[in-house]
PDB file of all heavy atoms in Angstrom:
ATOM      1  N   SER A   1     102.065 109.549 105.287  1.00  0.00           N
ATOM      2  CA  SER A   1     102.898 110.245 104.301  1.00  0.00           C
ATOM      3  C   SER A   1     102.107 111.205 103.420  1.00  0.00           C
ATOM      4  O   SER A   1     102.694 112.024 102.728  1.00  0.00           O
ATOM      5  CB  SER A   1     103.640 109.227 103.416  1.00  0.00           C
ATOM      6  OG  SER A   1     102.737 108.611 102.496  1.00  0.00           O
ATOM      7  N   GLN A   2     100.779 111.109 103.448  1.00  0.00           N
ATOM      8  CA  GLN A   2      99.928 111.970 102.613  1.00  0.00           C
ATOM      9  C   GLN A   2      98.834 112.598 103.468  1.00  0.00           C
ATOM     10  O   GLN A   2      98.238 111.925 104.311  1.00  0.00           O
ATOM     11  CB  GLN A   2      99.273 111.157 101.487  1.00  0.00           C
ATOM     12  CG  GLN A   2     100.251 110.474 100.563  1.00  0.00           C
ATOM     13  CD  GLN A   2     101.063 111.475  99.754  1.00  0.00           C
ATOM     14  OE1 GLN A   2     100.523 112.461  99.260  1.00  0.00           O
ATOM     15  NE2 GLN A   2     102.351 111.226  99.622  1.00  0.00           N
ATOM     16  N   ASN A   3      98.556 113.864 103.228  1.00  0.00           N
ATOM     17  CA  ASN A   3      97.524 114.550 104.016  1.00  0.00           C
ATOM     18  C   ASN A   3      96.164 113.883 103.900  1.00  0.00           C
ATOM     19  O   ASN A   3      95.437 113.767 104.887  1.00  0.00           O
ATOM     20  CB  ASN A   3      97.407 116.019 103.590  1.00  0.00           C
ATOM     21  CG  ASN A   3      98.600 116.836 104.026  1.00  0.00           C
ATOM     22  OD1 ASN A   3      99.293 116.492 104.971  1.00  0.00           O
ATOM     23  ND2 ASN A   3      98.858 117.924 103.324  1.00  0.00           N
ATOM     24  N   HIS A   4      95.798 113.458 102.692  1.00  0.00           N
ATOM     25  CA  HIS A   4      94.449 112.922 102.495  1.00  0.00           C
ATOM     26  C   HIS A   4      94.262 111.513 103.053  1.00  0.00           C
ATOM     27  O   HIS A   4      93.128 111.047 103.153  1.00  0.00           O
ATOM     28  CB  HIS A   4      94.035 112.987 101.021  1.00  0.00           C
ATOM     29  CG  HIS A   4      94.876 112.175 100.103  1.00  0.00           C
ATOM     30  ND1 HIS A   4      96.149 112.548  99.732  1.00  0.00           N
ATOM     31  CD2 HIS A   4      94.632 111.020  99.477  1.00  0.00           C
ATOM     32  CE1 HIS A   4      96.648 111.643  98.916  1.00  0.00           C
ATOM     33  NE2 HIS A   4      95.752 110.698  98.744  1.00  0.00           N
ATOM     34  N   THR A   5      95.328 110.822 103.443  1.00  0.00           N
ATOM     35  CA  THR A   5      95.193 109.500 104.052  1.00  0.00           C
ATOM     36  C   THR A   5      95.649 109.472 105.512  1.00  0.00           C
ATOM     37  O   THR A   5      95.504 108.448 106.180  1.00  0.00           O
ATOM     38  CB  THR A   5      95.985 108.433 103.263  1.00  0.00           C
ATOM     39  OG1 THR A   5      97.360 108.843 103.170  1.00  0.00           O
ATOM     40  CG2 THR A   5      95.402 108.235 101.876  1.00  0.00           C
ATOM     41  N   ALA A   6      96.157 110.573 106.009  1.00  0.00           N
ATOM     42  CA  ALA A   6      96.731 110.616 107.358  1.00  0.00           C
ATOM     43  C   ALA A   6      95.719 110.275 108.445  1.00  0.00           C
ATOM     44  O   ALA A   6      96.086 109.754 109.498  1.00  0.00           O
ATOM     45  CB  ALA A   6      97.353 111.980 107.628  1.00  0.00           C
ATOM     46  N   GLY A   7      94.440 110.516 108.199  1.00  0.00           N
ATOM     47  CA  GLY A   7      93.429 110.241 109.210  1.00  0.00           C
ATOM     48  C   GLY A   7      92.869 108.832 109.193  1.00  0.00           C
ATOM     49  O   GLY A   7      92.050 108.480 110.036  1.00  0.00           O
ATOM     50  N   ILE A   8      93.305 108.017 108.250  1.00  0.00           N
ATOM     51  CA  ILE A   8      92.818 106.635 108.192  1.00  0.00           C
ATOM     52  C   ILE A   8      93.584 105.813 109.224  1.00  0.00           C
ATOM     53  O   ILE A   8      94.804 105.808 109.232  1.00  0.00           O
ATOM     54  CB  ILE A   8      92.983 106.052 106.776  1.00  0.00           C
ATOM     55  CG1 ILE A   8      92.195 106.890 105.770  1.00  0.00           C
ATOM     56  CG2 ILE A   8      92.518 104.588 106.752  1.00  0.00           C
ATOM     57  CD1 ILE A   8      92.430 106.499 104.320  1.00  0.00           C
ATOM     58  N   GLU A   9      92.844 105.123 110.071  1.00  0.00           N
ATOM     59  CA  GLU A   9      93.469 104.402 111.180  1.00  0.00           C
ATOM     60  C   GLU A   9      93.301 102.892 111.122  1.00  0.00           C
ATOM     61  O   GLU A   9      93.946 102.168 111.867  1.00  0.00           O
ATOM     62  CB  GLU A   9      92.905 104.915 112.505  1.00  0.00           C
ATOM     63  CG  GLU A   9      93.170 106.391 112.723  1.00  0.00           C
ATOM     64  CD  GLU A   9      92.525 106.925 113.990  1.00  0.00           C
ATOM     65  OE1 GLU A   9      91.623 106.251 114.543  1.00  0.00           O
ATOM     66  OE2 GLU A   9      92.925 108.010 114.413  1.00  0.00           O
ATOM     67  N   THR A  10      92.419 102.410 110.244  1.00  0.00           N
ATOM     68  CA  THR A  10      92.135 100.980 110.220  1.00  0.00           C
ATOM     69  C   THR A  10      92.569 100.373 108.894  1.00  0.00           C
ATOM     70  O   THR A  10      92.197 100.861 107.828  1.00  0.00           O
ATOM     71  CB  THR A  10      90.629 100.707 110.447  1.00  0.00           C
ATOM     72  OG1 THR A  10      90.247 101.333 111.681  1.00  0.00           O
ATOM     73  CG2 THR A  10      90.343  99.222 110.527  1.00  0.00           C
ATOM     74  N   PHE A  11      93.352  99.292 108.991  1.00  0.00           N
ATOM     75  CA  PHE A  11      93.897  98.601 107.821  1.00  0.00           C
ATOM     76  C   PHE A  11      93.690  97.108 108.009  1.00  0.00           C
ATOM     77  O   PHE A  11      94.009  96.556 109.054  1.00  0.00           O
ATOM     78  CB  PHE A  11      95.395  98.904 107.678  1.00  0.00           C
ATOM     79  CG  PHE A  11      95.676 100.371 107.639  1.00  0.00           C
ATOM     80  CD1 PHE A  11      95.891 101.084 108.801  1.00  0.00           C
ATOM     81  CD2 PHE A  11      95.690 101.051 106.437  1.00  0.00           C
ATOM     82  CE1 PHE A  11      96.121 102.455 108.773  1.00  0.00           C
ATOM     83  CE2 PHE A  11      95.908 102.406 106.397  1.00  0.00           C
ATOM     84  CZ  PHE A  11      96.127 103.112 107.566  1.00  0.00           C
ATOM     85  N   LEU A  12      93.131  96.469 106.996  1.00  0.00           N
ATOM     86  CA  LEU A  12      92.860  95.038 107.064  1.00  0.00           C
ATOM     87  C   LEU A  12      93.489  94.341 105.862  1.00  0.00           C
ATOM     88  O   LEU A  12      93.402  94.841 104.740  1.00  0.00           O
ATOM     89  CB  LEU A  12      91.349  94.783 107.061  1.00  0.00           C
ATOM     90  CG  LEU A  12      90.542  95.439 108.188  1.00  0.00           C
ATOM     91  CD1 LEU A  12      89.058  95.232 107.957  1.00  0.00           C
ATOM     92  CD2 LEU A  12      90.966  94.886 109.533  1.00  0.00           C
ATOM     93  N   ILE A  13      94.087  93.190 106.109  1.00  0.00           N
ATOM     94  CA  ILE A  13      94.673  92.390 105.039  1.00  0.00           C
ATOM     95  C   ILE A  13      93.630  91.361 104.610  1.00  0.00           C
ATOM     96  O   ILE A  13      93.137  90.583 105.428  1.00  0.00           O
ATOM     97  CB  ILE A  13      95.961  91.663 105.513  1.00  0.00           C
ATOM     98  CG1 ILE A  13      96.936  92.652 106.147  1.00  0.00           C
ATOM     99  CG2 ILE A  13      96.581  90.900 104.351  1.00  0.00           C
ATOM    100  CD1 ILE A  13      97.425  93.756 105.246  1.00  0.00           C
ATOM    101  N   HIS A  14      93.300  91.376 103.335  1.00  0.00           N
ATOM    102  CA  HIS A  14      92.296  90.452 102.783  1.00  0.00           C
ATOM    103  C   HIS A  14      93.009  89.423 101.909  1.00  0.00           C
ATOM    104  O   HIS A  14      93.910  89.784 101.144  1.00  0.00           O
ATOM    105  CB  HIS A  14      91.272  91.235 101.960  1.00  0.00           C
ATOM    106  CG  HIS A  14      90.064  90.443 101.609  1.00  0.00           C
ATOM    107  ND1 HIS A  14      90.057  89.537 100.570  1.00  0.00           N
ATOM    108  CD2 HIS A  14      88.824  90.408 102.162  1.00  0.00           C
ATOM    109  CE1 HIS A  14      88.850  88.994 100.493  1.00  0.00           C
ATOM    110  NE2 HIS A  14      88.091  89.502 101.450  1.00  0.00           N
ATOM    111  N   PRO A  15      92.611  88.155 101.971  1.00  0.00           N
ATOM    112  CA  PRO A  15      93.310  87.120 101.196  1.00  0.00           C
ATOM    113  C   PRO A  15      93.082  87.191  99.682  1.00  0.00           C
ATOM    114  O   PRO A  15      93.897  86.689  98.911  1.00  0.00           O
ATOM    115  CB  PRO A  15      92.748  85.810 101.764  1.00  0.00           C
ATOM    116  CG  PRO A  15      91.426  86.178 102.342  1.00  0.00           C
ATOM    117  CD  PRO A  15      91.560  87.598 102.826  1.00  0.00           C
ATOM    118  N   GLY A  16      92.007  87.811  99.256  1.00  0.00           N
ATOM    119  CA  GLY A  16      91.717  87.905  97.814  1.00  0.00           C
ATOM    120  C   GLY A  16      90.418  88.654  97.609  1.00  0.00           C
ATOM    121  O   GLY A  16      89.361  88.163  97.976  1.00  0.00           O
ATOM    122  N   PHE A  17      90.495  89.852  97.078  1.00  0.00           N
ATOM    123  CA  PHE A  17      89.310  90.694  96.939  1.00  0.00           C
ATOM    124  C   PHE A  17      88.226  90.026  96.109  1.00  0.00           C
ATOM    125  O   PHE A  17      88.520  89.383  95.094  1.00  0.00           O
ATOM    126  CB  PHE A  17      89.669  92.011  96.260  1.00  0.00           C
ATOM    127  CG  PHE A  17      90.381  93.013  97.139  1.00  0.00           C
ATOM    128  CD1 PHE A  17      90.685  92.743  98.451  1.00  0.00           C
ATOM    129  CD2 PHE A  17      90.733  94.237  96.624  1.00  0.00           C
ATOM    130  CE1 PHE A  17      91.330  93.679  99.241  1.00  0.00           C
ATOM    131  CE2 PHE A  17      91.380  95.174  97.393  1.00  0.00           C
ATOM    132  CZ  PHE A  17      91.678  94.902  98.707  1.00  0.00           C
ATOM    133  N   PRO A  18      86.972  90.222  96.492  1.00  0.00           N
ATOM    134  CA  PRO A  18      85.877  89.787  95.633  1.00  0.00           C
ATOM    135  C   PRO A  18      85.823  90.727  94.422  1.00  0.00           C
ATOM    136  O   PRO A  18      85.851  91.949  94.588  1.00  0.00           O
ATOM    137  CB  PRO A  18      84.638  89.959  96.526  1.00  0.00           C
ATOM    138  CG  PRO A  18      85.026  91.009  97.527  1.00  0.00           C
ATOM    139  CD  PRO A  18      86.497  90.865  97.721  1.00  0.00           C
ATOM    140  N   VAL A  19      85.823  90.152  93.238  1.00  0.00           N
ATOM    141  CA  VAL A  19      85.827  90.970  92.020  1.00  0.00           C
ATOM    142  C   VAL A  19      84.740  90.497  91.065  1.00  0.00           C
ATOM    143  O   VAL A  19      84.279  89.357  91.133  1.00  0.00           O
ATOM    144  CB  VAL A  19      87.196  90.946  91.303  1.00  0.00           C
ATOM    145  CG1 VAL A  19      88.256  91.641  92.127  1.00  0.00           C
ATOM    146  CG2 VAL A  19      87.621  89.531  90.982  1.00  0.00           C
ATOM    147  N   ASP A  20      84.347  91.377  90.181  1.00  0.00           N
ATOM    148  CA  ASP A  20      83.388  91.056  89.135  1.00  0.00           C
ATOM    149  C   ASP A  20      84.017  89.990  88.243  1.00  0.00           C
ATOM    150  O   ASP A  20      85.158  90.147  87.805  1.00  0.00           O
ATOM    151  CB  ASP A  20      83.080  92.321  88.337  1.00  0.00           C
ATOM    152  CG  ASP A  20      81.986  92.115  87.318  1.00  0.00           C
ATOM    153  OD1 ASP A  20      82.159  91.236  86.446  1.00  0.00           O
ATOM    154  OD2 ASP A  20      80.980  92.834  87.379  1.00  0.00           O
ATOM    155  N   ILE A  21      83.300  88.913  87.974  1.00  0.00           N
ATOM    156  CA  ILE A  21      83.874  87.811  87.197  1.00  0.00           C
ATOM    157  C   ILE A  21      84.208  88.224  85.763  1.00  0.00           C
ATOM    158  O   ILE A  21      85.052  87.616  85.130  1.00  0.00           O
ATOM    159  CB  ILE A  21      82.968  86.565  87.199  1.00  0.00           C
ATOM    160  CG1 ILE A  21      81.593  86.886  86.634  1.00  0.00           C
ATOM    161  CG2 ILE A  21      82.862  85.976  88.576  1.00  0.00           C
ATOM    162  CD1 ILE A  21      80.718  85.659  86.427  1.00  0.00           C
ATOM    163  N   ARG A  22      83.563  89.272  85.275  1.00  0.00           N
ATOM    164  CA  ARG A  22      83.862  89.740  83.911  1.00  0.00           C
ATOM    165  C   ARG A  22      85.075  90.658  83.867  1.00  0.00           C
ATOM    166  O   ARG A  22      85.719  90.789  82.845  1.00  0.00           O
ATOM    167  CB  ARG A  22      82.648  90.467  83.329  1.00  0.00           C
ATOM    168  CG  ARG A  22      81.427  89.562  83.197  1.00  0.00           C
ATOM    169  CD  ARG A  22      80.200  90.385  82.960  1.00  0.00           C
ATOM    170  NE  ARG A  22      79.958  91.169  84.181  1.00  0.00           N
ATOM    171  CZ  ARG A  22      79.096  92.150  84.305  1.00  0.00           C
ATOM    172  NH1 ARG A  22      78.379  92.521  83.280  1.00  0.00           N
ATOM    173  NH2 ARG A  22      78.932  92.778  85.436  1.00  0.00           N
ATOM    174  N   HIS A  23      85.348  91.316  84.992  1.00  0.00           N
ATOM    175  CA  HIS A  23      86.452  92.275  85.062  1.00  0.00           C
ATOM    176  C   HIS A  23      87.229  91.996  86.339  1.00  0.00           C
ATOM    177  O   HIS A  23      86.819  92.452  87.396  1.00  0.00           O
ATOM    178  CB  HIS A  23      85.932  93.711  85.118  1.00  0.00           C
ATOM    179  CG  HIS A  23      84.915  94.041  84.100  1.00  0.00           C
ATOM    180  ND1 HIS A  23      83.577  93.823  84.283  1.00  0.00           N
ATOM    181  CD2 HIS A  23      85.047  94.567  82.860  1.00  0.00           C
ATOM    182  CE1 HIS A  23      82.918  94.217  83.208  1.00  0.00           C
ATOM    183  NE2 HIS A  23      83.785  94.668  82.334  1.00  0.00           N
ATOM    184  N   ASN A  24      88.302  91.282  86.258  1.00  0.00           N
ATOM    185  CA  ASN A  24      89.060  90.919  87.448  1.00  0.00           C
ATOM    186  C   ASN A  24      89.516  92.140  88.238  1.00  0.00           C
ATOM    187  O   ASN A  24      89.846  92.043  89.396  1.00  0.00           O
ATOM    188  CB  ASN A  24      90.258  90.045  87.083  1.00  0.00           C
ATOM    189  CG  ASN A  24      90.925  89.481  88.318  1.00  0.00           C
ATOM    190  OD1 ASN A  24      90.281  89.190  89.312  1.00  0.00           O
ATOM    191  ND2 ASN A  24      92.224  89.336  88.260  1.00  0.00           N
ATOM    192  N   ALA A  25      89.521  93.309  87.635  1.00  0.00           N
ATOM    193  CA  ALA A  25      89.977  94.507  88.322  1.00  0.00           C
ATOM    194  C   ALA A  25      88.855  95.243  89.051  1.00  0.00           C
ATOM    195  O   ALA A  25      89.117  96.076  89.897  1.00  0.00           O
ATOM    196  CB  ALA A  25      90.639  95.454  87.331  1.00  0.00           C
ATOM    197  N   LYS A  26      87.598  94.957  88.735  1.00  0.00           N
ATOM    198  CA  LYS A  26      86.479  95.675  89.340  1.00  0.00           C
ATOM    199  C   LYS A  26      86.129  95.038  90.683  1.00  0.00           C
ATOM    200  O   LYS A  26      85.534  93.964  90.746  1.00  0.00           O
ATOM    201  CB  LYS A  26      85.266  95.676  88.416  1.00  0.00           C
ATOM    202  CG  LYS A  26      84.145  96.527  88.936  1.00  0.00           C
ATOM    203  CD  LYS A  26      83.023  96.639  87.935  1.00  0.00           C
ATOM    204  CE  LYS A  26      81.940  97.528  88.497  1.00  0.00           C
ATOM    205  NZ  LYS A  26      80.834  97.665  87.565  1.00  0.00           N
ATOM    206  N   ILE A  27      86.489  95.726  91.763  1.00  0.00           N
ATOM    207  CA  ILE A  27      86.296  95.208  93.119  1.00  0.00           C
ATOM    208  C   ILE A  27      84.837  95.361  93.524  1.00  0.00           C
ATOM    209  O   ILE A  27      84.234  96.419  93.346  1.00  0.00           O
ATOM    210  CB  ILE A  27      87.203  95.978  94.104  1.00  0.00           C
ATOM    211  CG1 ILE A  27      88.669  95.801  93.711  1.00  0.00           C
ATOM    212  CG2 ILE A  27      86.958  95.515  95.536  1.00  0.00           C
ATOM    213  CD1 ILE A  27      89.611  96.764  94.406  1.00  0.00           C
ATOM    214  N   ARG A  28      84.284  94.311  94.076  1.00  0.00           N
ATOM    215  CA  ARG A  28      82.919  94.362  94.607  1.00  0.00           C
ATOM    216  C   ARG A  28      82.995  94.925  96.032  1.00  0.00           C
ATOM    217  O   ARG A  28      83.104  94.197  97.019  1.00  0.00           O
ATOM    218  CB  ARG A  28      82.274  92.985  94.547  1.00  0.00           C
ATOM    219  CG  ARG A  28      82.070  92.525  93.120  1.00  0.00           C
ATOM    220  CD  ARG A  28      81.139  91.344  92.955  1.00  0.00           C
ATOM    221  NE  ARG A  28      81.379  90.256  93.860  1.00  0.00           N
ATOM    222  CZ  ARG A  28      81.709  89.014  93.489  1.00  0.00           C
ATOM    223  NH1 ARG A  28      81.821  88.707  92.228  1.00  0.00           N
ATOM    224  NH2 ARG A  28      81.907  88.081  94.398  1.00  0.00           N
ATOM    225  N   ARG A  29      82.964  96.240  96.095  1.00  0.00           N
ATOM    226  CA  ARG A  29      83.195  96.956  97.347  1.00  0.00           C
ATOM    227  C   ARG A  29      82.144  96.655  98.416  1.00  0.00           C
ATOM    228  O   ARG A  29      82.468  96.644  99.602  1.00  0.00           O
ATOM    229  CB  ARG A  29      83.266  98.459  97.096  1.00  0.00           C
ATOM    230  CG  ARG A  29      84.481  98.824  96.304  1.00  0.00           C
ATOM    231  CD  ARG A  29      84.480 100.305  95.949  1.00  0.00           C
ATOM    232  NE  ARG A  29      85.585 100.561  95.057  1.00  0.00           N
ATOM    233  CZ  ARG A  29      86.842 100.716  95.448  1.00  0.00           C
ATOM    234  NH1 ARG A  29      87.143 100.648  96.719  1.00  0.00           N
ATOM    235  NH2 ARG A  29      87.788 100.927  94.564  1.00  0.00           N
ATOM    236  N   GLU A  30      80.911  96.447  98.020  1.00  0.00           N
ATOM    237  CA  GLU A  30      79.876  96.172  99.019  1.00  0.00           C
ATOM    238  C   GLU A  30      80.207  94.877  99.775  1.00  0.00           C
ATOM    239  O   GLU A  30      80.078  94.813 100.996  1.00  0.00           O
ATOM    240  CB  GLU A  30      78.497  96.071  98.349  1.00  0.00           C
ATOM    241  CG  GLU A  30      77.370  95.809  99.325  1.00  0.00           C
ATOM    242  CD  GLU A  30      77.203  96.879 100.401  1.00  0.00           C
ATOM    243  OE1 GLU A  30      77.636  98.045 100.197  1.00  0.00           O
ATOM    244  OE2 GLU A  30      76.659  96.546 101.478  1.00  0.00           O
ATOM    245  N   GLU A  31      80.649  93.856  99.064  1.00  0.00           N
ATOM    246  CA  GLU A  31      81.045  92.606  99.731  1.00  0.00           C
ATOM    247  C   GLU A  31      82.264  92.830 100.631  1.00  0.00           C
ATOM    248  O   GLU A  31      82.352  92.275 101.725  1.00  0.00           O
ATOM    249  CB  GLU A  31      81.344  91.525  98.705  1.00  0.00           C
ATOM    250  CG  GLU A  31      80.124  91.003  98.008  1.00  0.00           C
ATOM    251  CD  GLU A  31      80.472  89.912  96.995  1.00  0.00           C
ATOM    252  OE1 GLU A  31      81.375  89.094  97.276  1.00  0.00           O
ATOM    253  OE2 GLU A  31      79.820  89.891  95.932  1.00  0.00           O
ATOM    254  N   LEU A  32      83.186  93.631 100.148  1.00  0.00           N
ATOM    255  CA  LEU A  32      84.389  93.913 100.923  1.00  0.00           C
ATOM    256  C   LEU A  32      84.035  94.714 102.180  1.00  0.00           C
ATOM    257  O   LEU A  32      84.571  94.465 103.257  1.00  0.00           O
ATOM    258  CB  LEU A  32      85.388  94.686 100.053  1.00  0.00           C
ATOM    259  CG  LEU A  32      86.826  94.700 100.499  1.00  0.00           C
ATOM    260  CD1 LEU A  32      87.372  93.294 100.709  1.00  0.00           C
ATOM    261  CD2 LEU A  32      87.673  95.451  99.495  1.00  0.00           C
ATOM    262  N   ARG A  33      83.097  95.644 102.051  1.00  0.00           N
ATOM    263  CA  ARG A  33      82.655  96.430 103.210  1.00  0.00           C
ATOM    264  C   ARG A  33      82.019  95.520 104.258  1.00  0.00           C
ATOM    265  O   ARG A  33      82.301  95.628 105.452  1.00  0.00           O
ATOM    266  CB  ARG A  33      81.654  97.500 102.781  1.00  0.00           C
ATOM    267  CG  ARG A  33      81.206  98.386 103.944  1.00  0.00           C
ATOM    268  CD  ARG A  33      79.997  99.216 103.590  1.00  0.00           C
ATOM    269  NE  ARG A  33      78.829  98.411 103.314  1.00  0.00           N
ATOM    270  CZ  ARG A  33      78.054  97.837 104.240  1.00  0.00           C
ATOM    271  NH1 ARG A  33      78.338  97.951 105.516  1.00  0.00           N
ATOM    272  NH2 ARG A  33      77.010  97.116 103.893  1.00  0.00           N
ATOM    273  N   ILE A  34      81.186  94.580 103.818  1.00  0.00           N
ATOM    274  CA  ILE A  34      80.557  93.641 104.757  1.00  0.00           C
ATOM    275  C   ILE A  34      81.629  92.811 105.463  1.00  0.00           C
ATOM    276  O   ILE A  34      81.586  92.613 106.677  1.00  0.00           O
ATOM    277  CB  ILE A  34      79.530  92.753 104.030  1.00  0.00           C
ATOM    278  CG1 ILE A  34      78.346  93.609 103.582  1.00  0.00           C
ATOM    279  CG2 ILE A  34      79.076  91.587 104.897  1.00  0.00           C
ATOM    280  CD1 ILE A  34      77.422  92.924 102.591  1.00  0.00           C
ATOM    281  N   TRP A  35      82.607  92.331 104.702  1.00  0.00           N
ATOM    282  CA  TRP A  35      83.712  91.563 105.292  1.00  0.00           C
ATOM    283  C   TRP A  35      84.462  92.412 106.330  1.00  0.00           C
ATOM    284  O   TRP A  35      84.799  91.937 107.414  1.00  0.00           O
ATOM    285  CB  TRP A  35      84.658  91.085 104.201  1.00  0.00           C
ATOM    286  CG  TRP A  35      85.897  90.434 104.729  1.00  0.00           C
ATOM    287  CD1 TRP A  35      86.043  89.133 105.090  1.00  0.00           C
ATOM    288  CD2 TRP A  35      87.164  91.075 104.940  1.00  0.00           C
ATOM    289  NE1 TRP A  35      87.339  88.923 105.533  1.00  0.00           N
ATOM    290  CE2 TRP A  35      88.046  90.098 105.457  1.00  0.00           C
ATOM    291  CE3 TRP A  35      87.644  92.377 104.757  1.00  0.00           C
ATOM    292  CZ2 TRP A  35      89.356  90.383 105.789  1.00  0.00           C
ATOM    293  CZ3 TRP A  35      88.963  92.652 105.087  1.00  0.00           C
ATOM    294  CH2 TRP A  35      89.797  91.665 105.596  1.00  0.00           C
TER     295      TRP A  35
END
């Protein structure tokens, strides 16, 4: 539906993002990338 996301082909459902314990909203992307 959007030009800037139209080329993304891989989607994964994660049970619960790893987040910084001080900021529940700050996603630990490196851990998510490894997963």
